[in-house]
Amino acid sequence: GCSNEEVGMRLGISPRTAKAHCDVLRQKLGVTRRRQIPVAYRELTGDDPLSRSLDPTRVGSRD
């Protein structure tokens, strides 16, 4: 997995913001460890979050 610094750089946000978003995701998905987020997401949606682009220009866009 990526560090908060790496996620922040890829998405154009601060490492602190990346951590805050990660904390919210963990709480909503009911997991305790960051590395459990993709597994819980996949179980919930059937989608593979690791196959998605981390291109910040696509965040929130609807094609």
N, C-alpha and C. Protein backbone atom coordinates (compact mmCIF):
# COMPACT_ATOMS: atom_id res chain seq x y z
N GLY A 1 0.82 -1.19 0.00
CA GLY A 1 0.00 0.00 0.00
C GLY A 1 0.86 1.24 0.00
N CYS A 2 0.22 2.32 -0.28
CA CYS A 2 0.90 3.61 -0.34
C CYS A 2 0.85 4.30 1.02
N SER A 3 1.85 5.10 1.27
CA SER A 3 1.86 5.91 2.49
C SER A 3 0.94 7.11 2.30
N ASN A 4 0.63 7.80 3.38
CA ASN A 4 -0.17 9.02 3.28
C ASN A 4 0.51 10.04 2.39
N GLU A 5 1.83 10.10 2.44
CA GLU A 5 2.58 11.03 1.61
C GLU A 5 2.41 10.68 0.13
N GLU A 6 2.51 9.39 -0.20
CA GLU A 6 2.36 8.97 -1.60
C GLU A 6 0.94 9.22 -2.11
N VAL A 7 -0.05 8.89 -1.30
CA VAL A 7 -1.44 9.13 -1.69
C VAL A 7 -1.67 10.62 -1.89
N GLY A 8 -1.19 11.42 -0.95
CA GLY A 8 -1.34 12.86 -1.06
C GLY A 8 -0.71 13.43 -2.32
N MET A 9 0.48 12.97 -2.64
CA MET A 9 1.15 13.45 -3.86
C MET A 9 0.36 13.06 -5.10
N ARG A 10 -0.13 11.83 -5.16
CA ARG A 10 -0.88 11.36 -6.33
C ARG A 10 -2.19 12.10 -6.52
N LEU A 11 -2.84 12.44 -5.40
CA LEU A 11 -4.16 13.07 -5.48
C LEU A 11 -4.11 14.59 -5.35
N GLY A 12 -2.94 15.13 -5.07
CA GLY A 12 -2.82 16.57 -4.93
C GLY A 12 -3.42 17.09 -3.63
N ILE A 13 -3.32 16.29 -2.57
CA ILE A 13 -3.80 16.69 -1.25
C ILE A 13 -2.67 16.50 -0.25
N SER A 14 -2.85 17.04 0.93
CA SER A 14 -1.80 16.90 1.95
C SER A 14 -1.82 15.49 2.54
N PRO A 15 -0.69 15.04 3.06
CA PRO A 15 -0.66 13.74 3.73
C PRO A 15 -1.66 13.66 4.88
N ARG A 16 -1.86 14.77 5.56
CA ARG A 16 -2.81 14.80 6.68
C ARG A 16 -4.25 14.60 6.19
N THR A 17 -4.57 15.19 5.04
CA THR A 17 -5.90 15.00 4.45
C THR A 17 -6.07 13.57 3.99
N ALA A 18 -5.02 12.99 3.41
CA ALA A 18 -5.08 11.59 2.98
C ALA A 18 -5.35 10.68 4.18
N LYS A 19 -4.69 10.95 5.29
CA LYS A 19 -4.90 10.15 6.50
C LYS A 19 -6.33 10.31 7.01
N ALA A 20 -6.84 11.53 6.99
CA ALA A 20 -8.21 11.77 7.47
C ALA A 20 -9.22 11.00 6.62
N HIS A 21 -9.04 11.01 5.31
CA HIS A 21 -9.94 10.27 4.43
C HIS A 21 -9.83 8.77 4.68
N CYS A 22 -8.62 8.30 4.90
CA CYS A 22 -8.39 6.89 5.20
C CYS A 22 -9.09 6.50 6.50
N ASP A 23 -8.99 7.36 7.49
CA ASP A 23 -9.65 7.09 8.78
C ASP A 23 -11.17 6.98 8.61
N VAL A 24 -11.74 7.87 7.80
CA VAL A 24 -13.19 7.83 7.55
C VAL A 24 -13.56 6.54 6.82
N LEU A 25 -12.78 6.17 5.81
CA LEU A 25 -13.05 4.92 5.08
C LEU A 25 -12.99 3.71 6.00
N ARG A 26 -11.98 3.67 6.85
CA ARG A 26 -11.87 2.53 7.78
C ARG A 26 -13.09 2.44 8.68
N GLN A 27 -13.53 3.58 9.19
CA GLN A 27 -14.69 3.60 10.07
C GLN A 27 -15.95 3.16 9.31
N LYS A 28 -16.17 3.70 8.12
CA LYS A 28 -17.37 3.36 7.36
C LYS A 28 -17.39 1.90 6.92
N LEU A 29 -16.21 1.36 6.61
CA LEU A 29 -16.13 -0.03 6.15
C LEU A 29 -16.01 -1.01 7.31
N GLY A 30 -15.84 -0.50 8.52
CA GLY A 30 -15.78 -1.36 9.70
C GLY A 30 -14.51 -2.18 9.80
N VAL A 31 -13.39 -1.59 9.37
CA VAL A 31 -12.11 -2.29 9.46
C VAL A 31 -11.17 -1.51 10.37
N THR A 32 -10.15 -2.18 10.88
CA THR A 32 -9.23 -1.53 11.80
C THR A 32 -7.89 -1.19 11.16
N ARG A 33 -7.55 -1.87 10.10
CA ARG A 33 -6.26 -1.63 9.45
C ARG A 33 -6.45 -1.09 8.04
N ARG A 34 -5.56 -0.19 7.67
CA ARG A 34 -5.62 0.45 6.35
C ARG A 34 -5.60 -0.57 5.22
N ARG A 35 -4.82 -1.61 5.37
CA ARG A 35 -4.69 -2.59 4.29
C ARG A 35 -5.96 -3.41 4.10
N GLN A 36 -6.90 -3.32 5.04
CA GLN A 36 -8.18 -4.02 4.92
C GLN A 36 -9.19 -3.25 4.06
N ILE A 37 -8.93 -1.98 3.80
CA ILE A 37 -9.88 -1.15 3.05
C ILE A 37 -10.19 -1.74 1.67
N PRO A 38 -9.19 -2.07 0.84
CA PRO A 38 -9.53 -2.61 -0.49
C PRO A 38 -10.34 -3.91 -0.43
N VAL A 39 -10.04 -4.77 0.53
CA VAL A 39 -10.76 -6.04 0.67
C VAL A 39 -12.21 -5.77 1.05
N ALA A 40 -12.43 -4.90 2.03
CA ALA A 40 -13.79 -4.58 2.46
C ALA A 40 -14.57 -3.90 1.34
N TYR A 41 -13.92 -3.03 0.61
CA TYR A 41 -14.56 -2.35 -0.52
C TYR A 41 -14.98 -3.35 -1.58
N ARG A 42 -14.08 -4.27 -1.91
CA ARG A 42 -14.36 -5.29 -2.91
C ARG A 42 -15.54 -6.17 -2.48
N GLU A 43 -15.57 -6.55 -1.21
CA GLU A 43 -16.67 -7.38 -0.70
C GLU A 43 -17.99 -6.63 -0.76
N LEU A 44 -17.96 -5.33 -0.51
CA LEU A 44 -19.16 -4.52 -0.50
C LEU A 44 -19.70 -4.24 -1.90
N THR A 45 -18.79 -3.96 -2.85
CA THR A 45 -19.22 -3.51 -4.17
C THR A 45 -19.01 -4.51 -5.29
N GLY A 46 -18.11 -5.46 -5.10
CA GLY A 46 -17.75 -6.37 -6.18
C GLY A 46 -16.76 -5.76 -7.15
N ASP A 47 -16.36 -4.53 -6.91
CA ASP A 47 -15.42 -3.81 -7.76
C ASP A 47 -14.03 -3.89 -7.16
N ASP A 48 -13.01 -3.90 -8.01
CA ASP A 48 -11.62 -3.95 -7.53
C ASP A 48 -11.06 -2.53 -7.47
N PRO A 49 -10.91 -1.96 -6.27
CA PRO A 49 -10.43 -0.58 -6.17
C PRO A 49 -8.98 -0.42 -6.63
N LEU A 50 -8.23 -1.50 -6.62
CA LEU A 50 -6.82 -1.40 -7.02
C LEU A 50 -6.65 -1.33 -8.52
N SER A 51 -7.71 -1.60 -9.29
CA SER A 51 -7.61 -1.51 -10.74
C SER A 51 -7.93 -0.11 -11.23
N ARG A 52 -8.36 0.75 -10.34
CA ARG A 52 -8.73 2.12 -10.72
C ARG A 52 -7.51 3.02 -10.75
N SER A 53 -7.60 4.04 -11.59
CA SER A 53 -6.55 5.04 -11.70
C SER A 53 -6.58 5.98 -10.51
N LEU A 54 -5.43 6.43 -10.08
CA LEU A 54 -5.36 7.46 -9.04
C LEU A 54 -5.15 8.83 -9.67
N ASP A 55 -5.63 9.01 -10.90
CA ASP A 55 -5.51 10.28 -11.61
C ASP A 55 -6.43 11.30 -10.95
N PRO A 56 -5.88 12.35 -10.32
CA PRO A 56 -6.72 13.30 -9.60
C PRO A 56 -7.68 14.07 -10.50
N THR A 57 -7.43 14.11 -11.81
CA THR A 57 -8.35 14.81 -12.71
C THR A 57 -9.62 14.02 -12.90
N ARG A 58 -9.63 12.73 -12.54
CA ARG A 58 -10.81 11.90 -12.71
C ARG A 58 -11.61 11.74 -11.43
N VAL A 59 -11.10 12.24 -10.33
CA VAL A 59 -11.81 12.10 -9.06
C VAL A 59 -13.12 12.86 -9.14
N GLY A 60 -14.20 12.15 -8.90
CA GLY A 60 -15.51 12.78 -8.91
C GLY A 60 -16.10 12.99 -10.28
N SER A 61 -15.38 12.64 -11.34
CA SER A 61 -15.92 12.83 -12.69
C SER A 61 -16.82 11.67 -13.06
N ARG A 62 -17.76 11.94 -13.89
CA ARG A 62 -18.68 10.89 -14.36
C ARG A 62 -18.60 10.86 -15.87
N ASP A 63 -18.05 9.79 -16.38
CA ASP A 63 -17.91 9.66 -17.84
C ASP A 63 -19.15 9.08 -18.46
